[in-house]
Protein backbone atom coordinates (compact mmCIF):
# COMPACT_ATOMS: atom_id res chain seq x y z
CA MET A 1 112.25 99.07 102.92
CA ASN A 2 114.68 97.77 100.28
CA LEU A 3 114.77 94.08 101.07
CA SER A 4 117.12 93.15 98.24
CA ALA A 5 120.13 94.78 99.92
CA PRO A 6 121.73 92.92 102.84
CA ILE A 7 120.72 94.24 106.26
CA LYS A 8 123.64 95.29 108.46
CA ILE A 9 122.85 95.00 112.18
CA THR A 10 124.57 97.74 114.16
CA ARG A 11 122.95 97.21 117.56
CA ASN A 12 124.48 94.70 119.98
CA TYR A 13 121.35 92.67 120.79
CA ASP A 14 123.11 90.71 123.53
CA GLU A 15 123.58 93.93 125.53
CA PHE A 16 120.29 95.48 124.41
CA THR A 17 118.42 92.37 125.54
CA ASP A 18 119.85 92.82 129.03
CA GLU A 19 118.48 96.39 129.03
CA PHE A 20 115.13 95.08 127.76
CA LEU A 21 114.98 92.45 130.50
CA SER A 22 115.72 95.08 133.14
CA GLN A 23 112.98 97.18 131.48
CA ASP A 24 115.47 99.99 131.01
CA ILE A 25 114.65 101.01 127.43
CA ASP A 26 112.70 103.81 125.80
CA ALA A 27 109.49 102.24 124.51
CA ASN A 28 109.10 105.00 121.92
CA ALA A 29 112.48 104.12 120.38
CA PHE A 30 111.87 100.34 120.41
CA THR A 31 111.61 99.48 116.71
CA HIS A 32 110.20 96.46 114.95
CA LEU A 33 113.78 95.29 114.28
CA ASP A 34 114.45 95.65 118.02
CA HIS A 35 111.43 93.44 118.77
CA LEU A 36 112.86 90.78 116.45
CA GLY A 37 116.42 91.12 117.78
CA VAL A 38 115.41 90.87 121.42
CA ALA A 39 113.05 87.96 120.76
CA PHE A 40 115.82 86.18 118.84
CA GLU A 41 118.32 86.71 121.67
CA ILE A 42 115.88 85.59 124.38
CA LEU A 43 115.06 82.46 122.35
CA ARG A 44 118.81 81.73 122.21
CA ARG A 45 119.11 82.05 125.99
CA PHE A 46 116.03 80.16 127.20
CA ASP A 47 113.83 77.27 126.23
CA PHE A 48 110.78 78.31 124.24
CA LEU A 49 108.13 78.51 126.97
CA MET A 50 110.43 80.36 129.36
CA ALA A 51 111.48 82.72 126.57
CA VAL A 52 107.86 83.55 125.76
CA GLN A 53 107.08 84.23 129.42
CA ILE A 54 110.17 86.39 129.98
CA TYR A 55 109.72 88.35 126.75
CA SER A 56 106.00 88.86 127.36
CA GLU A 57 106.41 90.07 130.93
CA SER A 58 109.16 92.54 130.03
CA LEU A 59 107.36 93.83 126.94
CA ASP A 60 104.10 94.30 128.84
CA ALA A 61 105.91 96.12 131.68
CA ILE A 62 107.74 98.42 129.24
CA ALA A 63 104.48 99.24 127.46
CA SER A 64 102.76 99.92 130.78
CA LYS A 65 105.57 102.24 131.93
CA ALA A 66 105.14 104.14 128.66
CA GLY A 67 101.43 104.61 129.36
CA ALA A 68 100.33 102.02 126.82
CA SER A 69 99.15 99.25 129.13
CA ASP A 70 96.54 98.14 126.58
CA LYS A 71 99.07 97.74 123.76
CA PHE A 72 100.46 94.29 124.63
CA ASN A 73 98.97 91.54 122.45
CA LEU A 74 99.62 87.95 123.51
CA THR A 75 98.62 86.54 120.13
CA VAL A 76 101.07 88.77 118.27
CA THR A 77 103.85 88.00 120.74
CA LEU A 78 103.39 84.24 120.76
CA ALA A 79 102.90 84.00 116.99
CA CYS A 80 106.02 86.08 116.31
CA MET A 81 108.15 84.15 118.77
CA SER A 82 106.90 80.85 117.35
CA ILE A 83 107.85 81.84 113.81
CA ILE A 84 111.25 83.16 114.89
CA SER A 85 111.96 80.03 116.91
CA GLU A 86 110.93 77.72 114.07
CA ARG A 87 113.20 79.49 111.59
CA MET A 88 116.29 79.89 113.82
CA GLN A 89 119.29 77.74 112.96
CA PRO A 90 121.75 76.43 115.59
CA GLY A 91 124.58 78.91 116.13
CA GLU A 92 123.06 81.43 113.74
CA GLU A 93 123.71 85.12 114.34
CA PHE A 94 120.85 87.61 114.22
CA GLU A 95 122.21 89.39 111.14
CA THR A 96 122.23 86.12 109.19
CA PHE A 97 118.74 85.32 110.47
CA VAL A 98 117.37 88.69 109.34
CA ASN A 99 118.97 88.37 105.93
CA THR A 100 117.42 84.95 105.35
CA ASN A 101 114.00 85.97 106.71
CA HIS A 102 113.28 89.31 105.04
CA ASP A 103 109.54 88.75 105.32
CA LEU A 104 109.77 89.19 109.11
CA LEU A 105 111.06 92.74 108.63
CA GLU A 106 107.61 93.81 107.48
CA VAL A 107 105.77 95.10 110.53
CA ASN A 108 102.53 93.44 109.45
CA PHE A 109 103.98 90.06 108.40
CA LEU A 110 101.31 88.29 110.46
CA LYS A 111 98.71 89.40 107.87
CA ASP A 112 99.55 86.15 106.05
CA TYR A 113 98.22 84.25 109.07
CA TYR A 114 95.53 86.45 110.63
CA THR A 115 92.76 88.76 109.55
CA ASP A 116 93.08 92.25 111.05
CA ALA A 117 89.85 91.79 113.00
CA ARG A 118 91.08 88.65 114.73
CA LEU A 119 94.63 89.83 115.37
CA ASN A 120 93.54 93.18 116.79
CA SER A 121 90.64 91.89 118.85
CA THR A 122 90.40 92.30 122.59
CA LYS A 123 90.48 88.54 122.91
CA ALA A 124 93.80 88.35 121.02
CA LYS A 125 95.38 90.71 123.52
CA GLY A 126 94.72 88.47 126.50
CA MET A 127 94.99 84.96 125.07
CA PHE A 128 96.59 83.21 122.13
CA LEU A 129 94.30 82.83 119.15
CA MET A 130 95.05 80.37 116.38
CA PRO A 131 95.55 81.84 112.89
CA ASP A 132 92.44 82.21 110.77
CA LYS A 133 94.22 82.30 107.39
CA GLN A 134 96.17 79.67 105.44
CA GLY A 135 99.57 81.14 106.28
CA SER A 136 102.77 82.08 104.55
CA ASP A 137 104.61 80.03 101.95
CA LYS A 138 107.81 80.57 103.98
CA GLN A 139 108.61 77.44 105.94
CA GLY A 140 111.03 76.54 108.67
CA PRO A 141 114.07 74.31 108.03
CA ASP A 142 112.34 71.10 109.07
CA SER A 143 109.18 71.54 106.99
């Protein structure tokens, strides 16, 4: 992915998030960018804990409907939503967010925080595990 060029967002994540919440999306066509866009939109709509619960329940249901009931990973979901929430700016649009947080566009951006063994463990799927690596140099606005 060429991260030096600005990313143009063509999907309306406000509408797509409504489809996600009604679990009316094709799981096989749900991209990493879609994960970020929906998480961003849900975090705009709800307080953090409610957003995590709503996102997690919908994502798990969509994965289960697609025959991948073992795919949901609570650690990945909570870690990603925490990083997105920390970096969001008041009134910011998703396109601006993406263009100032290129590192999140890498599917495996959590490798800066977790070893593969920990992040992909059975335990990580069912409960939140703290990172076992130092973490990224990228910081939120209040760091």
